[in-house]
Amino acid sequence: MSRVTRTMAHAMGLEIYDSQTREPITPEQARAQALDKAAYDQNYECSFADESLALLTHELITAAESDEACVILRAGLDG
């Protein structure tokens, strides 16, 4: 598994734009504009500090896992 944060992507050449002016900005400027710094850190910087803020909890993901899903997928690829 690999993670690329917005800051890392910006350092590799990804442009970030101000949502109002459409002018290029830095990741630091984008974070400064964010109303919810914790949400910004989670969504753009891969900083998962609090599981209670997770969109999909571990329990929800585990409950959705199914061995039969692989069988359906394989059947679709074979036919």
N, C-alpha and C. Protein backbone atom coordinates (compact mmCIF):
# COMPACT_ATOMS: atom_id res chain seq x y z
N MET A 1 0.85 -1.17 0.00
CA MET A 1 0.00 0.00 0.00
C MET A 1 0.89 1.23 0.00
N SER A 2 0.49 2.24 -0.74
CA SER A 2 1.25 3.48 -0.74
C SER A 2 0.28 4.65 -0.57
N ARG A 3 0.81 5.70 0.01
CA ARG A 3 0.01 6.91 0.24
C ARG A 3 0.75 8.08 -0.36
N VAL A 4 0.03 8.94 -1.02
CA VAL A 4 0.60 10.18 -1.53
C VAL A 4 -0.27 11.31 -0.99
N THR A 5 0.34 12.13 -0.17
CA THR A 5 -0.41 13.26 0.38
C THR A 5 -0.47 14.39 -0.64
N ARG A 6 -1.32 15.34 -0.38
CA ARG A 6 -1.41 16.50 -1.26
C ARG A 6 -0.09 17.25 -1.28
N THR A 7 0.56 17.35 -0.13
CA THR A 7 1.85 18.03 -0.05
C THR A 7 2.89 17.32 -0.90
N MET A 8 2.93 15.99 -0.83
CA MET A 8 3.87 15.22 -1.64
C MET A 8 3.56 15.38 -3.12
N ALA A 9 2.28 15.30 -3.48
CA ALA A 9 1.88 15.44 -4.89
C ALA A 9 2.25 16.84 -5.41
N HIS A 10 2.08 17.85 -4.58
CA HIS A 10 2.43 19.21 -4.96
C HIS A 10 3.93 19.30 -5.22
N ALA A 11 4.73 18.68 -4.37
CA ALA A 11 6.18 18.67 -4.54
C ALA A 11 6.59 17.96 -5.84
N MET A 12 5.75 17.04 -6.32
CA MET A 12 6.02 16.31 -7.57
C MET A 12 5.46 17.04 -8.79
N GLY A 13 4.82 18.19 -8.56
CA GLY A 13 4.36 18.99 -9.70
C GLY A 13 2.86 19.19 -9.80
N LEU A 14 2.07 18.59 -8.93
CA LEU A 14 0.62 18.76 -8.98
C LEU A 14 0.25 20.19 -8.59
N GLU A 15 -0.53 20.84 -9.40
CA GLU A 15 -1.00 22.19 -9.08
C GLU A 15 -2.22 22.11 -8.18
N ILE A 16 -2.31 23.03 -7.24
CA ILE A 16 -3.46 23.18 -6.35
C ILE A 16 -4.01 24.57 -6.60
N TYR A 17 -5.32 24.68 -6.70
CA TYR A 17 -5.91 25.97 -7.03
C TYR A 17 -6.87 26.43 -5.95
N ASP A 18 -6.88 27.72 -5.72
CA ASP A 18 -7.82 28.35 -4.80
C ASP A 18 -9.23 28.13 -5.34
N SER A 19 -10.14 27.70 -4.49
CA SER A 19 -11.50 27.39 -4.95
C SER A 19 -12.29 28.63 -5.37
N GLN A 20 -11.88 29.80 -4.90
CA GLN A 20 -12.58 31.03 -5.26
C GLN A 20 -11.93 31.75 -6.45
N THR A 21 -10.62 31.94 -6.38
CA THR A 21 -9.93 32.73 -7.40
C THR A 21 -9.38 31.90 -8.55
N ARG A 22 -9.26 30.58 -8.34
CA ARG A 22 -8.66 29.64 -9.30
C ARG A 22 -7.18 29.92 -9.54
N GLU A 23 -6.55 30.71 -8.66
CA GLU A 23 -5.11 30.96 -8.72
C GLU A 23 -4.37 29.80 -8.06
N PRO A 24 -3.17 29.48 -8.53
CA PRO A 24 -2.39 28.42 -7.89
C PRO A 24 -2.04 28.80 -6.44
N ILE A 25 -2.11 27.82 -5.54
CA ILE A 25 -1.75 28.03 -4.14
C ILE A 25 -0.93 26.83 -3.66
N THR A 26 -0.34 26.97 -2.49
CA THR A 26 0.43 25.89 -1.89
C THR A 26 -0.48 25.04 -1.00
N PRO A 27 -0.04 23.84 -0.64
CA PRO A 27 -0.82 23.04 0.31
C PRO A 27 -1.02 23.76 1.64
N GLU A 28 -0.03 24.51 2.08
CA GLU A 28 -0.16 25.26 3.33
C GLU A 28 -1.25 26.31 3.23
N GLN A 29 -1.33 26.99 2.10
CA GLN A 29 -2.38 27.98 1.90
C GLN A 29 -3.75 27.31 1.82
N ALA A 30 -3.82 26.15 1.17
CA ALA A 30 -5.08 25.42 1.08
C ALA A 30 -5.56 25.00 2.46
N ARG A 31 -4.64 24.51 3.30
CA ARG A 31 -5.02 24.11 4.66
C ARG A 31 -5.46 25.32 5.47
N ALA A 32 -4.78 26.44 5.30
CA ALA A 32 -5.15 27.66 6.03
C ALA A 32 -6.57 28.10 5.68
N GLN A 33 -7.00 27.85 4.45
CA GLN A 33 -8.35 28.23 4.01
C GLN A 33 -9.42 27.25 4.51
N ALA A 34 -9.01 26.05 4.87
CA ALA A 34 -9.98 25.01 5.27
C ALA A 34 -10.67 25.40 6.56
N LEU A 35 -11.98 25.26 6.59
CA LEU A 35 -12.74 25.55 7.80
C LEU A 35 -12.52 24.48 8.86
N ASP A 36 -12.33 23.25 8.43
CA ASP A 36 -12.13 22.12 9.35
C ASP A 36 -10.74 21.53 9.08
N LYS A 37 -9.78 21.92 9.90
CA LYS A 37 -8.39 21.49 9.71
C LYS A 37 -8.24 19.97 9.85
N ALA A 38 -8.96 19.36 10.78
CA ALA A 38 -8.88 17.91 10.97
C ALA A 38 -9.40 17.19 9.73
N ALA A 39 -10.48 17.66 9.15
CA ALA A 39 -11.02 17.05 7.93
C ALA A 39 -10.05 17.23 6.77
N TYR A 40 -9.44 18.41 6.68
CA TYR A 40 -8.44 18.65 5.62
C TYR A 40 -7.28 17.66 5.77
N ASP A 41 -6.77 17.54 6.99
CA ASP A 41 -5.64 16.65 7.23
C ASP A 41 -6.00 15.21 6.87
N GLN A 42 -7.20 14.79 7.19
CA GLN A 42 -7.62 13.42 6.88
C GLN A 42 -7.82 13.23 5.38
N ASN A 43 -8.49 14.15 4.75
CA ASN A 43 -8.85 13.99 3.34
C ASN A 43 -7.71 14.25 2.37
N TYR A 44 -6.80 15.15 2.71
CA TYR A 44 -5.74 15.53 1.77
C TYR A 44 -4.34 15.13 2.22
N GLU A 45 -4.13 14.93 3.51
CA GLU A 45 -2.78 14.64 3.99
C GLU A 45 -2.65 13.24 4.59
N CYS A 46 -3.68 12.41 4.43
CA CYS A 46 -3.65 11.02 4.90
C CYS A 46 -3.31 10.93 6.39
N SER A 47 -3.81 11.87 7.15
CA SER A 47 -3.57 11.91 8.59
C SER A 47 -4.85 11.48 9.30
N PHE A 48 -4.90 10.23 9.71
CA PHE A 48 -6.10 9.66 10.31
C PHE A 48 -5.93 9.58 11.82
N ALA A 49 -6.25 10.67 12.49
CA ALA A 49 -5.99 10.78 13.93
C ALA A 49 -7.10 10.19 14.78
N ASP A 50 -8.32 10.16 14.26
CA ASP A 50 -9.46 9.76 15.09
C ASP A 50 -10.38 8.85 14.29
N GLU A 51 -10.48 7.58 14.69
CA GLU A 51 -11.31 6.62 13.96
C GLU A 51 -12.78 7.04 13.95
N SER A 52 -13.22 7.82 14.93
CA SER A 52 -14.62 8.24 14.96
C SER A 52 -14.94 9.18 13.80
N LEU A 53 -13.92 9.75 13.15
CA LEU A 53 -14.14 10.63 11.99
C LEU A 53 -14.10 9.87 10.67
N ALA A 54 -13.81 8.58 10.72
CA ALA A 54 -13.68 7.79 9.49
C ALA A 54 -15.01 7.68 8.76
N LEU A 55 -14.95 7.80 7.45
CA LEU A 55 -16.14 7.65 6.63
C LEU A 55 -16.65 6.21 6.70
N LEU A 56 -15.73 5.25 6.56
CA LEU A 56 -16.07 3.84 6.65
C LEU A 56 -15.31 3.23 7.81
N THR A 57 -16.01 2.79 8.82
CA THR A 57 -15.36 2.19 9.99
C THR A 57 -14.87 0.79 9.65
N HIS A 58 -13.95 0.30 10.46
CA HIS A 58 -13.44 -1.06 10.27
C HIS A 58 -14.58 -2.08 10.38
N GLU A 59 -15.48 -1.87 11.31
CA GLU A 59 -16.61 -2.79 11.48
C GLU A 59 -17.50 -2.81 10.24
N LEU A 60 -17.75 -1.66 9.64
CA LEU A 60 -18.58 -1.59 8.45
C LEU A 60 -17.91 -2.31 7.27
N ILE A 61 -16.62 -2.10 7.13
CA ILE A 61 -15.88 -2.76 6.05
C ILE A 61 -15.89 -4.27 6.25
N THR A 62 -15.62 -4.72 7.47
CA THR A 62 -15.61 -6.15 7.77
C THR A 62 -16.97 -6.78 7.51
N ALA A 63 -18.03 -6.08 7.88
CA ALA A 63 -19.38 -6.61 7.67
C ALA A 63 -19.72 -6.74 6.18
N ALA A 64 -19.09 -5.92 5.34
CA ALA A 64 -19.38 -5.95 3.91
C ALA A 64 -18.52 -6.96 3.15
N GLU A 65 -17.50 -7.49 3.80
CA GLU A 65 -16.63 -8.46 3.13
C GLU A 65 -17.37 -9.78 2.93
N SER A 66 -17.11 -10.41 1.79
CA SER A 66 -17.77 -11.67 1.48
C SER A 66 -16.88 -12.52 0.59
N ASP A 67 -16.70 -13.77 0.96
CA ASP A 67 -15.94 -14.69 0.12
C ASP A 67 -16.67 -14.95 -1.20
N GLU A 68 -17.99 -14.86 -1.19
CA GLU A 68 -18.76 -15.11 -2.40
C GLU A 68 -18.56 -14.04 -3.46
N ALA A 69 -18.14 -12.85 -3.06
CA ALA A 69 -17.91 -11.78 -4.03
C ALA A 69 -16.83 -12.18 -5.03
N CYS A 70 -15.82 -12.88 -4.59
CA CYS A 70 -14.76 -13.33 -5.49
C CYS A 70 -15.30 -14.34 -6.49
N VAL A 71 -16.19 -15.21 -6.05
CA VAL A 71 -16.77 -16.22 -6.93
C VAL A 71 -17.59 -15.54 -8.02
N ILE A 72 -18.36 -14.55 -7.69
CA ILE A 72 -19.17 -13.83 -8.67
C ILE A 72 -18.26 -13.13 -9.67
N LEU A 73 -17.21 -12.49 -9.19
CA LEU A 73 -16.28 -11.78 -10.06
C LEU A 73 -15.60 -12.76 -11.01
N ARG A 74 -15.13 -13.88 -10.50
CA ARG A 74 -14.47 -14.87 -11.34
C ARG A 74 -15.44 -15.41 -12.40
N ALA A 75 -16.68 -15.65 -12.02
CA ALA A 75 -17.66 -16.15 -12.98
C ALA A 75 -17.88 -15.14 -14.09
N GLY A 76 -17.91 -13.86 -13.75
CA GLY A 76 -18.08 -12.82 -14.75
C GLY A 76 -16.91 -12.72 -15.70
N LEU A 77 -15.71 -12.97 -15.21
CA LEU A 77 -14.51 -12.89 -16.06
C LEU A 77 -14.40 -14.09 -16.98
N ASP A 78 -14.91 -15.24 -16.51
CA ASP A 78 -14.80 -16.45 -17.32
C ASP A 78 -15.81 -16.48 -18.47
N GLY A 79 -16.90 -15.80 -18.31
CA GLY A 79 -17.96 -15.94 -19.30
C GLY A 79 -18.10 -14.78 -20.16
